[in-house]
């Protein structure tokens, strides 16, 4: 780990977790999974920061949520999914064998619509969940639960 990566790791360790990230952390602890929060990966001369990295399982987890009303939520979730998919593509290019899971929650959006739209965008995701309960299942399917 170079000095830039170490510095970024320390800086991101100071950023408080969102409510959703706390729920994910609690789930990972409940499942007994070793993980890094706000993990930093070198990407050429730049860095990629992910919400969680399950190092012993080689699984990256990105999560985002909106409570915006239907319609507005979908556009916001789709834009974030595109950004997350770029991260996933770059991570997989640099780290063959890494698996990527997305947790995308939009409680005011129709689940079928959200799943369809995000599924079209998240081409590099190995799993997509739309709730904490679904995340538990997605991690288990990837062999992420002990």
C-alpha atoms as a PDB file:
ATOM      1  CA  UNK A   1       0.000   0.000   0.000  1.00  0.00           C
ATOM      2  CA  UNK A   2       1.571   3.296  -1.069  1.00  0.00           C
ATOM      3  CA  UNK A   3       1.504   6.552   0.921  1.00  0.00           C
ATOM      4  CA  UNK A   4      -1.427   7.980  -1.060  1.00  0.00           C
ATOM      5  CA  UNK A   5      -3.536   4.877  -0.461  1.00  0.00           C
ATOM      6  CA  UNK A   6      -2.646   4.863   3.254  1.00  0.00           C
ATOM      7  CA  UNK A   7      -3.551   8.541   3.575  1.00  0.00           C
ATOM      8  CA  UNK A   8      -6.871   8.053   1.774  1.00  0.00           C
ATOM      9  CA  UNK A   9      -7.671   5.025   3.952  1.00  0.00           C
ATOM     10  CA  UNK A  10      -7.066   7.055   7.108  1.00  0.00           C
ATOM     11  CA  UNK A  11      -9.113   9.986   5.796  1.00  0.00           C
ATOM     12  CA  UNK A  12     -12.076   7.782   4.868  1.00  0.00           C
ATOM     13  CA  UNK A  13     -11.923   6.009   8.233  1.00  0.00           C
ATOM     14  CA  UNK A  14     -12.901   9.362   9.782  1.00  0.00           C
ATOM     15  CA  UNK A  15     -16.036   9.719   7.651  1.00  0.00           C
ATOM     16  CA  UNK A  16     -19.073   8.628   9.668  1.00  0.00           C
ATOM     17  CA  UNK A  17     -21.166   5.801   8.277  1.00  0.00           C
ATOM     18  CA  UNK A  18     -24.587   6.573   6.851  1.00  0.00           C
ATOM     19  CA  UNK A  19     -27.621   4.910   8.425  1.00  0.00           C
ATOM     20  CA  UNK A  20     -27.663   2.394   5.569  1.00  0.00           C
ATOM     21  CA  UNK A  21     -23.940   1.667   5.971  1.00  0.00           C
ATOM     22  CA  UNK A  22     -24.471   1.063   9.686  1.00  0.00           C
ATOM     23  CA  UNK A  23     -27.201  -1.467   8.853  1.00  0.00           C
ATOM     24  CA  UNK A  24     -24.882  -3.199   6.387  1.00  0.00           C
ATOM     25  CA  UNK A  25     -22.025  -3.222   8.908  1.00  0.00           C
ATOM     26  CA  UNK A  26     -24.348  -4.737  11.517  1.00  0.00           C
ATOM     27  CA  UNK A  27     -25.424  -7.440   9.047  1.00  0.00           C
ATOM     28  CA  UNK A  28     -21.819  -8.269   8.181  1.00  0.00           C
ATOM     29  CA  UNK A  29     -20.942  -8.513  11.873  1.00  0.00           C
ATOM     30  CA  UNK A  30     -24.016 -10.686  12.496  1.00  0.00           C
ATOM     31  CA  UNK A  31     -22.883 -13.001   9.675  1.00  0.00           C
ATOM     32  CA  UNK A  32     -19.387 -13.075  11.167  1.00  0.00           C
ATOM     33  CA  UNK A  33     -17.782 -11.671   8.011  1.00  0.00           C
ATOM     34  CA  UNK A  34     -14.432  -9.902   8.142  1.00  0.00           C
ATOM     35  CA  UNK A  35     -14.687  -6.597   6.295  1.00  0.00           C
ATOM     36  CA  UNK A  36     -13.095  -3.223   5.720  1.00  0.00           C
ATOM     37  CA  UNK A  37     -15.284  -0.134   5.703  1.00  0.00           C
ATOM     38  CA  UNK A  38     -14.522   2.559   3.110  1.00  0.00           C
ATOM     39  CA  UNK A  39     -11.794   0.389   1.606  1.00  0.00           C
ATOM     40  CA  UNK A  40      -9.378   2.027  -0.836  1.00  0.00           C
ATOM     41  CA  UNK A  41      -8.059   0.370  -4.003  1.00  0.00           C
ATOM     42  CA  UNK A  42      -5.280   1.850  -6.176  1.00  0.00           C
ATOM     43  CA  UNK A  43      -6.384   2.484  -9.764  1.00  0.00           C
ATOM     44  CA  UNK A  44      -3.391   3.592 -11.788  1.00  0.00           C
ATOM     45  CA  UNK A  45      -2.580   7.058 -10.474  1.00  0.00           C
ATOM     46  CA  UNK A  46      -5.998   7.363  -8.826  1.00  0.00           C
ATOM     47  CA  UNK A  47      -7.907   5.630  -6.062  1.00  0.00           C
ATOM     48  CA  UNK A  48     -11.265   3.865  -5.850  1.00  0.00           C
ATOM     49  CA  UNK A  49     -13.084   3.962  -2.511  1.00  0.00           C
ATOM     50  CA  UNK A  50     -15.783   1.359  -1.871  1.00  0.00           C
ATOM     51  CA  UNK A  51     -18.256   1.152   0.982  1.00  0.00           C
ATOM     52  CA  UNK A  52     -17.221  -2.343   2.114  1.00  0.00           C
ATOM     53  CA  UNK A  53     -14.652  -4.956   1.162  1.00  0.00           C
ATOM     54  CA  UNK A  54     -15.030  -8.506   2.454  1.00  0.00           C
ATOM     55  CA  UNK A  55     -11.345  -9.293   2.085  1.00  0.00           C
ATOM     56  CA  UNK A  56     -11.453 -13.017   2.845  1.00  0.00           C
ATOM     57  CA  UNK A  57     -14.285 -13.470   0.300  1.00  0.00           C
ATOM     58  CA  UNK A  58     -12.958 -10.944  -2.255  1.00  0.00           C
ATOM     59  CA  UNK A  59     -16.346  -9.218  -2.384  1.00  0.00           C
ATOM     60  CA  UNK A  60     -16.872  -5.475  -2.798  1.00  0.00           C
ATOM     61  CA  UNK A  61     -20.148  -4.013  -1.585  1.00  0.00           C
ATOM     62  CA  UNK A  62     -21.495  -0.613  -2.621  1.00  0.00           C
ATOM     63  CA  UNK A  63     -24.725   0.754  -1.166  1.00  0.00           C
ATOM     64  CA  UNK A  64     -26.919   3.765  -1.770  1.00  0.00           C
ATOM     65  CA  UNK A  65     -30.435   4.788  -0.876  1.00  0.00           C
ATOM     66  CA  UNK A  66     -32.964   7.496  -1.561  1.00  0.00           C
ATOM     67  CA  UNK A  67     -36.237   8.357   0.103  1.00  0.00           C
ATOM     68  CA  UNK A  68     -37.256  10.671  -2.757  1.00  0.00           C
ATOM     69  CA  UNK A  69     -40.687  10.240  -4.296  1.00  0.00           C
ATOM     70  CA  UNK A  70     -41.374   7.836  -7.113  1.00  0.00           C
ATOM     71  CA  UNK A  71     -40.000   9.013 -10.463  1.00  0.00           C
ATOM     72  CA  UNK A  72     -37.424  11.355  -8.950  1.00  0.00           C
ATOM     73  CA  UNK A  73     -35.965   8.411  -7.049  1.00  0.00           C
ATOM     74  CA  UNK A  74     -35.603   6.288 -10.166  1.00  0.00           C
ATOM     75  CA  UNK A  75     -33.536   8.868 -12.058  1.00  0.00           C
ATOM     76  CA  UNK A  76     -31.252   9.428  -9.084  1.00  0.00           C
ATOM     77  CA  UNK A  77     -30.803   5.695  -8.498  1.00  0.00           C
ATOM     78  CA  UNK A  78     -30.026   5.099 -12.171  1.00  0.00           C
ATOM     79  CA  UNK A  79     -27.328   7.816 -12.231  1.00  0.00           C
ATOM     80  CA  UNK A  80     -25.707   6.405  -9.103  1.00  0.00           C
ATOM     81  CA  UNK A  81     -25.892   2.884 -10.522  1.00  0.00           C
ATOM     82  CA  UNK A  82     -23.945   4.070 -13.587  1.00  0.00           C
ATOM     83  CA  UNK A  83     -21.233   5.510 -11.338  1.00  0.00           C
ATOM     84  CA  UNK A  84     -21.128   2.327  -9.231  1.00  0.00           C
ATOM     85  CA  UNK A  85     -20.911   0.162 -12.356  1.00  0.00           C
ATOM     86  CA  UNK A  86     -17.847   2.129 -13.500  1.00  0.00           C
ATOM     87  CA  UNK A  87     -16.241   1.376 -10.115  1.00  0.00           C
ATOM     88  CA  UNK A  88     -17.134  -2.310 -10.446  1.00  0.00           C
ATOM     89  CA  UNK A  89     -15.721  -2.501 -13.996  1.00  0.00           C
ATOM     90  CA  UNK A  90     -12.456  -0.859 -12.970  1.00  0.00           C
ATOM     91  CA  UNK A  91     -12.088  -2.997  -9.849  1.00  0.00           C
ATOM     92  CA  UNK A  92     -12.643  -6.199 -11.823  1.00  0.00           C
ATOM     93  CA  UNK A  93     -10.119  -5.076 -14.440  1.00  0.00           C
ATOM     94  CA  UNK A  94      -7.477  -4.475 -11.763  1.00  0.00           C
ATOM     95  CA  UNK A  95      -8.386  -7.405  -9.510  1.00  0.00           C
ATOM     96  CA  UNK A  96      -9.503 -10.460 -11.500  1.00  0.00           C
ATOM     97  CA  UNK A  97     -11.734 -12.698  -9.429  1.00  0.00           C
ATOM     98  CA  UNK A  98     -13.169  -9.909  -7.301  1.00  0.00           C
ATOM     99  CA  UNK A  99     -16.966  -9.995  -6.992  1.00  0.00           C
ATOM    100  CA  UNK A 100     -19.176  -6.944  -6.677  1.00  0.00           C
ATOM    101  CA  UNK A 101     -22.532  -6.558  -4.947  1.00  0.00           C
ATOM    102  CA  UNK A 102     -24.815  -3.527  -4.961  1.00  0.00           C
ATOM    103  CA  UNK A 103     -27.426  -2.600  -2.367  1.00  0.00           C
ATOM    104  CA  UNK A 104     -29.765  -0.045  -3.929  1.00  0.00           C
ATOM    105  CA  UNK A 105     -32.751   0.991  -1.816  1.00  0.00           C
ATOM    106  CA  UNK A 106     -35.571   3.258  -2.982  1.00  0.00           C
ATOM    107  CA  UNK A 107     -38.587   2.500  -0.780  1.00  0.00           C
ATOM    108  CA  UNK A 108     -40.963   4.805  -2.689  1.00  0.00           C
ATOM    109  CA  UNK A 109     -40.169   3.286  -6.077  1.00  0.00           C
ATOM    110  CA  UNK A 110     -41.825   0.186  -7.535  1.00  0.00           C
ATOM    111  CA  UNK A 111     -39.469  -2.710  -6.889  1.00  0.00           C
ATOM    112  CA  UNK A 112     -39.995  -4.268 -10.333  1.00  0.00           C
ATOM    113  CA  UNK A 113     -39.214  -0.967 -12.064  1.00  0.00           C
ATOM    114  CA  UNK A 114     -36.175  -0.312  -9.883  1.00  0.00           C
ATOM    115  CA  UNK A 115     -34.832  -3.835 -10.458  1.00  0.00           C
ATOM    116  CA  UNK A 116     -35.319  -3.573 -14.236  1.00  0.00           C
ATOM    117  CA  UNK A 117     -33.698  -0.142 -14.620  1.00  0.00           C
ATOM    118  CA  UNK A 118     -30.757  -0.846 -12.327  1.00  0.00           C
ATOM    119  CA  UNK A 119     -30.290  -4.309 -13.816  1.00  0.00           C
ATOM    120  CA  UNK A 120     -29.777  -2.687 -17.219  1.00  0.00           C
ATOM    121  CA  UNK A 121     -27.086  -0.383 -15.801  1.00  0.00           C
ATOM    122  CA  UNK A 122     -25.236  -2.620 -13.333  1.00  0.00           C
ATOM    123  CA  UNK A 123     -23.674  -4.910 -15.936  1.00  0.00           C
ATOM    124  CA  UNK A 124     -20.601  -5.620 -13.778  1.00  0.00           C
ATOM    125  CA  UNK A 125     -22.489  -6.461 -10.579  1.00  0.00           C
ATOM    126  CA  UNK A 126     -22.458 -10.074  -9.424  1.00  0.00           C
ATOM    127  CA  UNK A 127     -25.448  -9.406  -7.209  1.00  0.00           C
ATOM    128  CA  UNK A 128     -27.981  -6.630  -6.684  1.00  0.00           C
ATOM    129  CA  UNK A 129     -30.165  -6.285  -3.596  1.00  0.00           C
ATOM    130  CA  UNK A 130     -32.917  -3.776  -2.906  1.00  0.00           C
ATOM    131  CA  UNK A 131     -33.190  -4.324   0.863  1.00  0.00           C
ATOM    132  CA  UNK A 132     -31.031  -5.484   3.750  1.00  0.00           C
ATOM    133  CA  UNK A 133     -32.857  -8.839   3.713  1.00  0.00           C
ATOM    134  CA  UNK A 134     -32.061  -9.295   0.020  1.00  0.00           C
ATOM    135  CA  UNK A 135     -28.447  -8.338   0.737  1.00  0.00           C
ATOM    136  CA  UNK A 136     -28.174 -11.181   3.241  1.00  0.00           C
ATOM    137  CA  UNK A 137     -29.340 -13.582   0.492  1.00  0.00           C
ATOM    138  CA  UNK A 138     -27.019 -12.062  -2.142  1.00  0.00           C
ATOM    139  CA  UNK A 139     -23.977 -12.433   0.109  1.00  0.00           C
ATOM    140  CA  UNK A 140     -24.945 -15.996   0.979  1.00  0.00           C
ATOM    141  CA  UNK A 141     -25.346 -16.905  -2.729  1.00  0.00           C
ATOM    142  CA  UNK A 142     -21.820 -15.645  -3.378  1.00  0.00           C
ATOM    143  CA  UNK A 143     -20.492 -17.842  -0.608  1.00  0.00           C
ATOM    144  CA  UNK A 144     -20.048 -14.838   1.630  1.00  0.00           C
ATOM    145  CA  UNK A 145     -21.624 -16.254   4.766  1.00  0.00           C
ATOM    146  CA  UNK A 146     -19.628 -18.492   7.030  1.00  0.00           C
END
